[in-house]
Amino acid sequence: MKSVNVTFRVDENLKAQADALFADLGMSLSTAFNIFLRQSVREQQIPFSISRNIPNAVTLAAMDSAENEEG
């Protein structure tokens, strides 16, 4: 299988943390990235949940109160 180089930008601190984590797991950042890509292709989706922050009940009540005061 032919390999290609991929370049992407990431925060310096985040990279250092990821390097340390993956080294502890016995792999490089490149190997971890390849695992992510393979799993994404295999599952035809991002292999973990990505969601928006949903306001809790207190925040929703405050938002409703603010909307009622405006109208």
PDB file of N, CA and C in Angstrom:
ATOM      1  N   MET A   1       0.836  -1.162   0.000  1.00  0.00           N
ATOM      2  CA  MET A   1       0.000   0.000   0.000  1.00  0.00           C
ATOM      3  C   MET A   1       0.892   1.240   0.000  1.00  0.00           C
ATOM      4  N   LYS A   2       0.577   2.166  -0.872  1.00  0.00           N
ATOM      5  CA  LYS A   2       1.353   3.398  -0.981  1.00  0.00           C
ATOM      6  C   LYS A   2       0.886   4.397   0.077  1.00  0.00           C
ATOM      7  N   SER A   3       1.826   5.031   0.745  1.00  0.00           N
ATOM      8  CA  SER A   3       1.515   6.038   1.759  1.00  0.00           C
ATOM      9  C   SER A   3       1.679   7.436   1.182  1.00  0.00           C
ATOM     10  N   VAL A   4       0.915   8.369   1.725  1.00  0.00           N
ATOM     11  CA  VAL A   4       1.054   9.783   1.368  1.00  0.00           C
ATOM     12  C   VAL A   4       1.231  10.575   2.648  1.00  0.00           C
ATOM     13  N   ASN A   5       1.873  11.714   2.539  1.00  0.00           N
ATOM     14  CA  ASN A   5       2.034  12.599   3.682  1.00  0.00           C
ATOM     15  C   ASN A   5       0.815  13.494   3.806  1.00  0.00           C
ATOM     16  N   VAL A   6       0.377  13.719   5.036  1.00  0.00           N
ATOM     17  CA  VAL A   6      -0.733  14.615   5.334  1.00  0.00           C
ATOM     18  C   VAL A   6      -0.230  15.618   6.359  1.00  0.00           C
ATOM     19  N   THR A   7      -0.521  16.877   6.121  1.00  0.00           N
ATOM     20  CA  THR A   7      -0.107  17.930   7.046  1.00  0.00           C
ATOM     21  C   THR A   7      -1.349  18.603   7.595  1.00  0.00           C
ATOM     22  N   PHE A   8      -1.393  18.774   8.898  1.00  0.00           N
ATOM     23  CA  PHE A   8      -2.486  19.521   9.503  1.00  0.00           C
ATOM     24  C   PHE A   8      -1.958  20.309  10.682  1.00  0.00           C
ATOM     25  N   ARG A   9      -2.662  21.379  11.020  1.00  0.00           N
ATOM     26  CA  ARG A   9      -2.236  22.259  12.099  1.00  0.00           C
ATOM     27  C   ARG A   9      -2.997  21.898  13.364  1.00  0.00           C
ATOM     28  N   VAL A  10      -2.284  21.935  14.477  1.00  0.00           N
ATOM     29  CA  VAL A  10      -2.887  21.637  15.766  1.00  0.00           C
ATOM     30  C   VAL A  10      -2.167  22.465  16.831  1.00  0.00           C
ATOM     31  N   ASP A  11      -2.889  22.813  17.866  1.00  0.00           N
ATOM     32  CA  ASP A  11      -2.321  23.561  18.973  1.00  0.00           C
ATOM     33  C   ASP A  11      -1.109  22.812  19.538  1.00  0.00           C
ATOM     34  N   GLU A  12      -0.041  23.540  19.828  1.00  0.00           N
ATOM     35  CA  GLU A  12       1.210  22.944  20.304  1.00  0.00           C
ATOM     36  C   GLU A  12       1.015  22.138  21.596  1.00  0.00           C
ATOM     37  N   ASN A  13       0.261  22.693  22.542  1.00  0.00           N
ATOM     38  CA  ASN A  13       0.019  22.011  23.813  1.00  0.00           C
ATOM     39  C   ASN A  13      -0.808  20.736  23.600  1.00  0.00           C
ATOM     40  N   LEU A  14      -1.819  20.818  22.744  1.00  0.00           N
ATOM     41  CA  LEU A  14      -2.644  19.646  22.452  1.00  0.00           C
ATOM     42  C   LEU A  14      -1.809  18.538  21.818  1.00  0.00           C
ATOM     43  N   LYS A  15      -0.918  18.911  20.897  1.00  0.00           N
ATOM     44  CA  LYS A  15      -0.051  17.914  20.258  1.00  0.00           C
ATOM     45  C   LYS A  15       0.848  17.234  21.284  1.00  0.00           C
ATOM     46  N   ALA A  16       1.422  18.028  22.186  1.00  0.00           N
ATOM     47  CA  ALA A  16       2.299  17.459  23.212  1.00  0.00           C
ATOM     48  C   ALA A  16       1.532  16.481  24.101  1.00  0.00           C
ATOM     49  N   GLN A  17       0.313  16.852  24.474  1.00  0.00           N
ATOM     50  CA  GLN A  17      -0.514  15.958  25.287  1.00  0.00           C
ATOM     51  C   GLN A  17      -0.871  14.684  24.529  1.00  0.00           C
ATOM     52  N   ALA A  18      -1.223  14.827  23.259  1.00  0.00           N
ATOM     53  CA  ALA A  18      -1.570  13.666  22.443  1.00  0.00           C
ATOM     54  C   ALA A  18      -0.355  12.772  22.243  1.00  0.00           C
ATOM     55  N   ASP A  19       0.799  13.364  21.960  1.00  0.00           N
ATOM     56  CA  ASP A  19       2.029  12.574  21.810  1.00  0.00           C
ATOM     57  C   ASP A  19       2.303  11.747  23.062  1.00  0.00           C
ATOM     58  N   ALA A  20       2.147  12.376  24.233  1.00  0.00           N
ATOM     59  CA  ALA A  20       2.398  11.671  25.503  1.00  0.00           C
ATOM     60  C   ALA A  20       1.393  10.539  25.702  1.00  0.00           C
ATOM     61  N   LEU A  21       0.131  10.805  25.427  1.00  0.00           N
ATOM     62  CA  LEU A  21      -0.901   9.784  25.577  1.00  0.00           C
ATOM     63  C   LEU A  21      -0.638   8.598  24.665  1.00  0.00           C
ATOM     64  N   PHE A  22      -0.412   8.882  23.387  1.00  0.00           N
ATOM     65  CA  PHE A  22      -0.238   7.791  22.430  1.00  0.00           C
ATOM     66  C   PHE A  22       1.060   7.037  22.669  1.00  0.00           C
ATOM     67  N   ALA A  23       2.104   7.729  23.108  1.00  0.00           N
ATOM     68  CA  ALA A  23       3.354   7.041  23.466  1.00  0.00           C
ATOM     69  C   ALA A  23       3.098   6.074  24.616  1.00  0.00           C
ATOM     70  N   ASP A  24       2.304   6.515  25.591  1.00  0.00           N
ATOM     71  CA  ASP A  24       1.956   5.645  26.716  1.00  0.00           C
ATOM     72  C   ASP A  24       1.157   4.430  26.243  1.00  0.00           C
ATOM     73  N   LEU A  25       0.397   4.606  25.168  1.00  0.00           N
ATOM     74  CA  LEU A  25      -0.376   3.507  24.596  1.00  0.00           C
ATOM     75  C   LEU A  25       0.448   2.684  23.600  1.00  0.00           C
ATOM     76  N   GLY A  26       1.711   3.081  23.400  1.00  0.00           N
ATOM     77  CA  GLY A  26       2.597   2.330  22.524  1.00  0.00           C
ATOM     78  C   GLY A  26       2.447   2.641  21.047  1.00  0.00           C
ATOM     79  N   MET A  27       2.005   3.856  20.733  1.00  0.00           N
ATOM     80  CA  MET A  27       1.854   4.215  19.317  1.00  0.00           C
ATOM     81  C   MET A  27       2.231   5.667  19.094  1.00  0.00           C
ATOM     82  N   SER A  28       2.426   5.999  17.855  1.00  0.00           N
ATOM     83  CA  SER A  28       2.731   7.377  17.472  1.00  0.00           C
ATOM     84  C   SER A  28       1.438   8.119  17.141  1.00  0.00           C
ATOM     85  N   LEU A  29       1.552   9.428  17.014  1.00  0.00           N
ATOM     86  CA  LEU A  29       0.415  10.238  16.583  1.00  0.00           C
ATOM     87  C   LEU A  29      -0.047   9.790  15.198  1.00  0.00           C
ATOM     88  N   SER A  30       0.892   9.452  14.336  1.00  0.00           N
ATOM     89  CA  SER A  30       0.565   8.983  12.988  1.00  0.00           C
ATOM     90  C   SER A  30      -0.260   7.692  13.040  1.00  0.00           C
ATOM     91  N   THR A  31       0.131   6.765  13.896  1.00  0.00           N
ATOM     92  CA  THR A  31      -0.618   5.518  14.039  1.00  0.00           C
ATOM     93  C   THR A  31      -2.011   5.790  14.579  1.00  0.00           C
ATOM     94  N   ALA A  32      -2.115   6.654  15.583  1.00  0.00           N
ATOM     95  CA  ALA A  32      -3.420   6.998  16.150  1.00  0.00           C
ATOM     96  C   ALA A  32      -4.319   7.638  15.091  1.00  0.00           C
ATOM     97  N   PHE A  33      -3.747   8.521  14.280  1.00  0.00           N
ATOM     98  CA  PHE A  33      -4.521   9.168  13.222  1.00  0.00           C
ATOM     99  C   PHE A  33      -4.994   8.145  12.198  1.00  0.00           C
ATOM    100  N   ASN A  34      -4.128   7.203  11.839  1.00  0.00           N
ATOM    101  CA  ASN A  34      -4.525   6.138  10.910  1.00  0.00           C
ATOM    102  C   ASN A  34      -5.640   5.273  11.488  1.00  0.00           C
ATOM    103  N   ILE A  35      -5.577   4.985  12.787  1.00  0.00           N
ATOM    104  CA  ILE A  35      -6.654   4.220  13.430  1.00  0.00           C
ATOM    105  C   ILE A  35      -7.967   4.987  13.330  1.00  0.00           C
ATOM    106  N   PHE A  36      -7.917   6.287  13.614  1.00  0.00           N
ATOM    107  CA  PHE A  36      -9.113   7.127  13.502  1.00  0.00           C
ATOM    108  C   PHE A  36      -9.682   7.082  12.089  1.00  0.00           C
ATOM    109  N   LEU A  37      -8.824   7.252  11.085  1.00  0.00           N
ATOM    110  CA  LEU A  37      -9.295   7.250   9.698  1.00  0.00           C
ATOM    111  C   LEU A  37      -9.892   5.905   9.301  1.00  0.00           C
ATOM    112  N   ARG A  38      -9.214   4.810   9.651  1.00  0.00           N
ATOM    113  CA  ARG A  38      -9.727   3.477   9.307  1.00  0.00           C
ATOM    114  C   ARG A  38     -11.077   3.202   9.960  1.00  0.00           C
ATOM    115  N   GLN A  39     -11.196   3.573  11.230  1.00  0.00           N
ATOM    116  CA  GLN A  39     -12.460   3.352  11.936  1.00  0.00           C
ATOM    117  C   GLN A  39     -13.564   4.219  11.349  1.00  0.00           C
ATOM    118  N   SER A  40     -13.245   5.445  10.974  1.00  0.00           N
ATOM    119  CA  SER A  40     -14.227   6.330  10.349  1.00  0.00           C
ATOM    120  C   SER A  40     -14.736   5.740   9.048  1.00  0.00           C
ATOM    121  N   VAL A  41     -13.821   5.252   8.233  1.00  0.00           N
ATOM    122  CA  VAL A  41     -14.208   4.659   6.946  1.00  0.00           C
ATOM    123  C   VAL A  41     -15.008   3.378   7.172  1.00  0.00           C
ATOM    124  N   ARG A  42     -14.558   2.558   8.106  1.00  0.00           N
ATOM    125  CA  ARG A  42     -15.250   1.296   8.395  1.00  0.00           C
ATOM    126  C   ARG A  42     -16.688   1.545   8.844  1.00  0.00           C
ATOM    127  N   GLU A  43     -16.891   2.513   9.739  1.00  0.00           N
ATOM    128  CA  GLU A  43     -18.211   2.781  10.290  1.00  0.00           C
ATOM    129  C   GLU A  43     -19.021   3.780   9.458  1.00  0.00           C
ATOM    130  N   GLN A  44     -18.352   4.437   8.497  1.00  0.00           N
ATOM    131  CA  GLN A  44     -18.979   5.473   7.677  1.00  0.00           C
ATOM    132  C   GLN A  44     -19.524   6.612   8.527  1.00  0.00           C
ATOM    133  N   GLN A  45     -18.774   6.929   9.580  1.00  0.00           N
ATOM    134  CA  GLN A  45     -19.117   8.045  10.457  1.00  0.00           C
ATOM    135  C   GLN A  45     -17.924   8.333  11.355  1.00  0.00           C
ATOM    136  N   ILE A  46     -17.982   9.439  12.064  1.00  0.00           N
ATOM    137  CA  ILE A  46     -16.953   9.715  13.052  1.00  0.00           C
ATOM    138  C   ILE A  46     -17.168   8.720  14.185  1.00  0.00           C
ATOM    139  N   PRO A  47     -16.127   8.013  14.624  1.00  0.00           N
ATOM    140  CA  PRO A  47     -16.306   6.896  15.554  1.00  0.00           C
ATOM    141  C   PRO A  47     -16.487   7.285  17.028  1.00  0.00           C
ATOM    142  N   PHE A  48     -17.000   8.455  17.260  1.00  0.00           N
ATOM    143  CA  PHE A  48     -17.355   8.874  18.611  1.00  0.00           C
ATOM    144  C   PHE A  48     -18.398   9.966  18.484  1.00  0.00           C
ATOM    145  N   SER A  49     -19.110  10.195  19.557  1.00  0.00           N
ATOM    146  CA  SER A  49     -20.201  11.163  19.537  1.00  0.00           C
ATOM    147  C   SER A  49     -19.671  12.591  19.532  1.00  0.00           C
ATOM    148  N   ILE A  50     -20.236  13.398  18.666  1.00  0.00           N
ATOM    149  CA  ILE A  50     -19.961  14.834  18.641  1.00  0.00           C
ATOM    150  C   ILE A  50     -21.317  15.500  18.816  1.00  0.00           C
ATOM    151  N   SER A  51     -21.426  16.328  19.834  1.00  0.00           N
ATOM    152  CA  SER A  51     -22.707  16.956  20.081  1.00  0.00           C
ATOM    153  C   SER A  51     -22.518  18.395  20.540  1.00  0.00           C
ATOM    154  N   ARG A  52     -23.568  19.135  20.446  1.00  0.00           N
ATOM    155  CA  ARG A  52     -23.561  20.507  20.934  1.00  0.00           C
ATOM    156  C   ARG A  52     -23.815  20.479  22.427  1.00  0.00           C
ATOM    157  N   ASN A  53     -23.388  21.524  23.107  1.00  0.00           N
ATOM    158  CA  ASN A  53     -23.747  21.663  24.516  1.00  0.00           C
ATOM    159  C   ASN A  53     -25.219  22.019  24.587  1.00  0.00           C
ATOM    160  N   ILE A  54     -25.976  21.196  25.263  1.00  0.00           N
ATOM    161  CA  ILE A  54     -27.409  21.442  25.406  1.00  0.00           C
ATOM    162  C   ILE A  54     -27.631  22.086  26.766  1.00  0.00           C
ATOM    163  N   PRO A  55     -28.324  23.220  26.799  1.00  0.00           N
ATOM    164  CA  PRO A  55     -28.527  23.903  28.063  1.00  0.00           C
ATOM    165  C   PRO A  55     -29.271  23.021  29.074  1.00  0.00           C
ATOM    166  N   ASN A  56     -28.894  23.147  30.339  1.00  0.00           N
ATOM    167  CA  ASN A  56     -29.594  22.396  31.385  1.00  0.00           C
ATOM    168  C   ASN A  56     -30.916  23.093  31.711  1.00  0.00           C
ATOM    169  N   ALA A  57     -31.688  22.511  32.616  1.00  0.00           N
ATOM    170  CA  ALA A  57     -33.022  23.014  32.939  1.00  0.00           C
ATOM    171  C   ALA A  57     -32.984  24.449  33.460  1.00  0.00           C
ATOM    172  N   VAL A  58     -32.000  24.775  34.283  1.00  0.00           N
ATOM    173  CA  VAL A  58     -31.898  26.135  34.838  1.00  0.00           C
ATOM    174  C   VAL A  58     -31.658  27.141  33.721  1.00  0.00           C
ATOM    175  N   THR A  59     -30.757  26.818  32.818  1.00  0.00           N
ATOM    176  CA  THR A  59     -30.464  27.722  31.700  1.00  0.00           C
ATOM    177  C   THR A  59     -31.670  27.872  30.789  1.00  0.00           C
ATOM    178  N   LEU A  60     -32.359  26.756  30.501  1.00  0.00           N
ATOM    179  CA  LEU A  60     -33.557  26.828  29.658  1.00  0.00           C
ATOM    180  C   LEU A  60     -34.626  27.702  30.293  1.00  0.00           C
ATOM    181  N   ALA A  61     -34.806  27.584  31.612  1.00  0.00           N
ATOM    182  CA  ALA A  61     -35.791  28.410  32.311  1.00  0.00           C
ATOM    183  C   ALA A  61     -35.419  29.887  32.218  1.00  0.00           C
ATOM    184  N   ALA A  62     -34.146  30.199  32.367  1.00  0.00           N
ATOM    185  CA  ALA A  62     -33.690  31.586  32.261  1.00  0.00           C
ATOM    186  C   ALA A  62     -33.911  32.120  30.855  1.00  0.00           C
ATOM    187  N   MET A  63     -33.651  31.281  29.861  1.00  0.00           N
ATOM    188  CA  MET A  63     -33.868  31.693  28.472  1.00  0.00           C
ATOM    189  C   MET A  63     -35.343  31.941  28.211  1.00  0.00           C
ATOM    190  N   ASP A  64     -36.203  31.058  28.714  1.00  0.00           N
ATOM    191  CA  ASP A  64     -37.650  31.234  28.541  1.00  0.00           C
ATOM    192  C   ASP A  64     -38.117  32.512  29.222  1.00  0.00           C
ATOM    193  N   SER A  65     -37.615  32.763  30.427  1.00  0.00           N
ATOM    194  CA  SER A  65     -37.989  33.967  31.159  1.00  0.00           C
ATOM    195  C   SER A  65     -37.572  35.217  30.390  1.00  0.00           C
ATOM    196  N   ALA A  66     -36.373  35.209  29.845  1.00  0.00           N
ATOM    197  CA  ALA A  66     -35.885  36.362  29.082  1.00  0.00           C
ATOM    198  C   ALA A  66     -36.724  36.578  27.831  1.00  0.00           C
ATOM    199  N   GLU A  67     -37.115  35.510  27.159  1.00  0.00           N
ATOM    200  CA  GLU A  67     -37.950  35.634  25.959  1.00  0.00           C
ATOM    201  C   GLU A  67     -39.321  36.196  26.319  1.00  0.00           C
ATOM    202  N   ASN A  68     -39.902  35.751  27.437  1.00  0.00           N
ATOM    203  CA  ASN A  68     -41.217  36.245  27.856  1.00  0.00           C
ATOM    204  C   ASN A  68     -41.196  37.716  28.232  1.00  0.00           C
ATOM    205  N   GLU A  69     -40.078  38.175  28.783  1.00  0.00           N
ATOM    206  CA  GLU A  69     -39.940  39.583  29.164  1.00  0.00           C
ATOM    207  C   GLU A  69     -39.846  40.477  27.935  1.00  0.00           C
ATOM    208  N   GLU A  70     -39.273  39.946  26.849  1.00  0.00           N
ATOM    209  CA  GLU A  70     -39.120  40.725  25.621  1.00  0.00           C
ATOM    210  C   GLU A  70     -40.452  40.906  24.907  1.00  0.00           C
ATOM    211  N   GLY A  71     -41.282  39.895  24.936  1.00  0.00           N
ATOM    212  CA  GLY A  71     -42.484  39.890  24.139  1.00  0.00           C
ATOM    213  C   GLY A  71     -43.633  40.443  24.837  1.00  0.00           C
TER     214      GLY A  71
END
